[in-house]
Amino acid sequence: MGKSTVDQRGRITLPQRERKRVGLRPGDRVHVQATDQEVTIRKTVSPREFAKIFAGCISEENAVGEPVDPLRIKEMWRLAGG
């Protein structure tokens, strides 16, 4: 876990080690979520990246049981950081 300081404008610099660990690069978009004592930063996943990650996972050839509900796919995207 790295440490950082909040500057006067509310910005922080993420330590290089942490950025590399999650693959963050300049210009990447992130989700920021706060609780009482914790701030979580997650890299967002674009629809294109999401489709690339799951390419081939959902097809008629590998279908088992019920068809996939589009809302379930949307939920998977949200959980993946989309």
C-alpha atoms as a PDB file:
ATOM      1  CA  MET A   1       0.000   0.000   0.000  1.00  0.00           C
ATOM      2  CA  GLY A   2       1.391   3.375  -0.981  1.00  0.00           C
ATOM      3  CA  LYS A   3       0.896   6.711   0.723  1.00  0.00           C
ATOM      4  CA  SER A   4       0.047  10.078  -0.752  1.00  0.00           C
ATOM      5  CA  THR A   5      -0.855  13.577   0.412  1.00  0.00           C
ATOM      6  CA  VAL A   6      -3.900  15.600  -0.597  1.00  0.00           C
ATOM      7  CA  ASP A   7      -2.836  18.968  -2.034  1.00  0.00           C
ATOM      8  CA  GLN A   8      -4.649  22.306  -1.597  1.00  0.00           C
ATOM      9  CA  ARG A   9      -6.855  21.617  -4.615  1.00  0.00           C
ATOM     10  CA  GLY A  10      -7.909  18.183  -3.319  1.00  0.00           C
ATOM     11  CA  ARG A  11      -5.702  16.221  -5.706  1.00  0.00           C
ATOM     12  CA  ILE A  12      -3.545  13.238  -4.872  1.00  0.00           C
ATOM     13  CA  THR A  13      -0.758  11.565  -6.776  1.00  0.00           C
ATOM     14  CA  LEU A  14      -1.098   7.803  -6.894  1.00  0.00           C
ATOM     15  CA  PRO A  15       2.219   6.073  -6.235  1.00  0.00           C
ATOM     16  CA  GLN A  16       3.808   4.634  -9.379  1.00  0.00           C
ATOM     17  CA  ARG A  17       3.810   1.111  -7.964  1.00  0.00           C
ATOM     18  CA  GLU A  18       0.032   1.242  -7.403  1.00  0.00           C
ATOM     19  CA  ARG A  19      -0.635   2.756 -10.853  1.00  0.00           C
ATOM     20  CA  LYS A  20       1.393   0.017 -12.535  1.00  0.00           C
ATOM     21  CA  ARG A  21      -0.317  -2.670 -10.486  1.00  0.00           C
ATOM     22  CA  VAL A  22      -3.742  -1.780 -11.901  1.00  0.00           C
ATOM     23  CA  GLY A  23      -2.529  -0.547 -15.282  1.00  0.00           C
ATOM     24  CA  LEU A  24      -3.448   3.117 -14.866  1.00  0.00           C
ATOM     25  CA  ARG A  25      -1.991   5.517 -17.404  1.00  0.00           C
ATOM     26  CA  PRO A  26      -2.317   9.286 -17.848  1.00  0.00           C
ATOM     27  CA  GLY A  27      -5.786  10.109 -19.144  1.00  0.00           C
ATOM     28  CA  ASP A  28      -7.434   6.914 -17.840  1.00  0.00           C
ATOM     29  CA  ARG A  29     -10.789   7.423 -16.177  1.00  0.00           C
ATOM     30  CA  VAL A  30     -11.494   6.086 -12.698  1.00  0.00           C
ATOM     31  CA  HIS A  31     -14.453   5.606 -10.367  1.00  0.00           C
ATOM     32  CA  VAL A  32     -14.075   7.184  -6.943  1.00  0.00           C
ATOM     33  CA  GLN A  33     -16.232   5.961  -4.064  1.00  0.00           C
ATOM     34  CA  ALA A  34     -16.068   7.140  -0.464  1.00  0.00           C
ATOM     35  CA  THR A  35     -17.310   5.768   2.838  1.00  0.00           C
ATOM     36  CA  ASP A  36     -16.832   7.333   6.279  1.00  0.00           C
ATOM     37  CA  GLN A  37     -13.096   6.583   6.464  1.00  0.00           C
ATOM     38  CA  GLU A  38     -12.148   5.106   3.085  1.00  0.00           C
ATOM     39  CA  VAL A  39     -11.833   6.246  -0.512  1.00  0.00           C
ATOM     40  CA  THR A  40     -11.716   3.584  -3.222  1.00  0.00           C
ATOM     41  CA  ILE A  41     -10.406   4.319  -6.712  1.00  0.00           C
ATOM     42  CA  ARG A  42     -11.190   1.810  -9.478  1.00  0.00           C
ATOM     43  CA  LYS A  43     -10.112   1.915 -13.081  1.00  0.00           C
ATOM     44  CA  THR A  44     -13.123   2.183 -15.363  1.00  0.00           C
ATOM     45  CA  VAL A  45     -13.682  -0.339 -18.127  1.00  0.00           C
ATOM     46  CA  SER A  46     -14.942   0.984 -21.451  1.00  0.00           C
ATOM     47  CA  PRO A  47     -17.574  -0.986 -23.357  1.00  0.00           C
ATOM     48  CA  ARG A  48     -14.870  -1.881 -25.914  1.00  0.00           C
ATOM     49  CA  GLU A  49     -12.507  -3.182 -23.206  1.00  0.00           C
ATOM     50  CA  PHE A  50     -15.368  -5.107 -21.597  1.00  0.00           C
ATOM     51  CA  ALA A  51     -16.284  -6.742 -24.909  1.00  0.00           C
ATOM     52  CA  LYS A  52     -12.631  -7.644 -25.485  1.00  0.00           C
ATOM     53  CA  ILE A  53     -12.336  -9.203 -22.012  1.00  0.00           C
ATOM     54  CA  PHE A  54     -15.449 -11.346 -22.497  1.00  0.00           C
ATOM     55  CA  ALA A  55     -15.067 -12.039 -26.235  1.00  0.00           C
ATOM     56  CA  GLY A  56     -15.983 -15.644 -26.908  1.00  0.00           C
ATOM     57  CA  CYS A  57     -17.390 -16.259 -23.431  1.00  0.00           C
ATOM     58  CA  ILE A  58     -20.994 -15.929 -24.517  1.00  0.00           C
ATOM     59  CA  SER A  59     -21.898 -17.798 -27.675  1.00  0.00           C
ATOM     60  CA  GLU A  60     -24.315 -20.472 -28.829  1.00  0.00           C
ATOM     61  CA  GLU A  61     -21.486 -23.008 -28.803  1.00  0.00           C
ATOM     62  CA  ASN A  62     -20.780 -22.606 -25.087  1.00  0.00           C
ATOM     63  CA  ALA A  63     -24.317 -21.810 -23.951  1.00  0.00           C
ATOM     64  CA  VAL A  64     -25.471 -23.777 -20.938  1.00  0.00           C
ATOM     65  CA  GLY A  65     -29.058 -23.592 -19.776  1.00  0.00           C
ATOM     66  CA  GLU A  66     -30.949 -20.328 -20.009  1.00  0.00           C
ATOM     67  CA  PRO A  67     -29.985 -17.494 -22.369  1.00  0.00           C
ATOM     68  CA  VAL A  68     -27.950 -14.716 -20.758  1.00  0.00           C
ATOM     69  CA  ASP A  69     -30.069 -11.841 -19.485  1.00  0.00           C
ATOM     70  CA  PRO A  70     -28.827  -8.510 -20.919  1.00  0.00           C
ATOM     71  CA  LEU A  71     -29.305  -6.938 -17.484  1.00  0.00           C
ATOM     72  CA  ARG A  72     -26.898  -9.529 -16.062  1.00  0.00           C
ATOM     73  CA  ILE A  73     -24.322  -8.511 -18.660  1.00  0.00           C
ATOM     74  CA  LYS A  74     -24.866  -4.879 -17.669  1.00  0.00           C
ATOM     75  CA  GLU A  75     -24.332  -5.824 -14.009  1.00  0.00           C
ATOM     76  CA  MET A  76     -21.125  -7.699 -14.928  1.00  0.00           C
ATOM     77  CA  TRP A  77     -19.881  -4.566 -16.727  1.00  0.00           C
ATOM     78  CA  ARG A  78     -20.686  -2.432 -13.687  1.00  0.00           C
ATOM     79  CA  LEU A  79     -18.830  -4.826 -11.395  1.00  0.00           C
ATOM     80  CA  ALA A  80     -15.872  -4.812 -13.778  1.00  0.00           C
ATOM     81  CA  GLY A  81     -15.657  -1.043 -13.371  1.00  0.00           C
ATOM     82  CA  GLY A  82     -17.690   0.108 -16.360  1.00  0.00           C
END
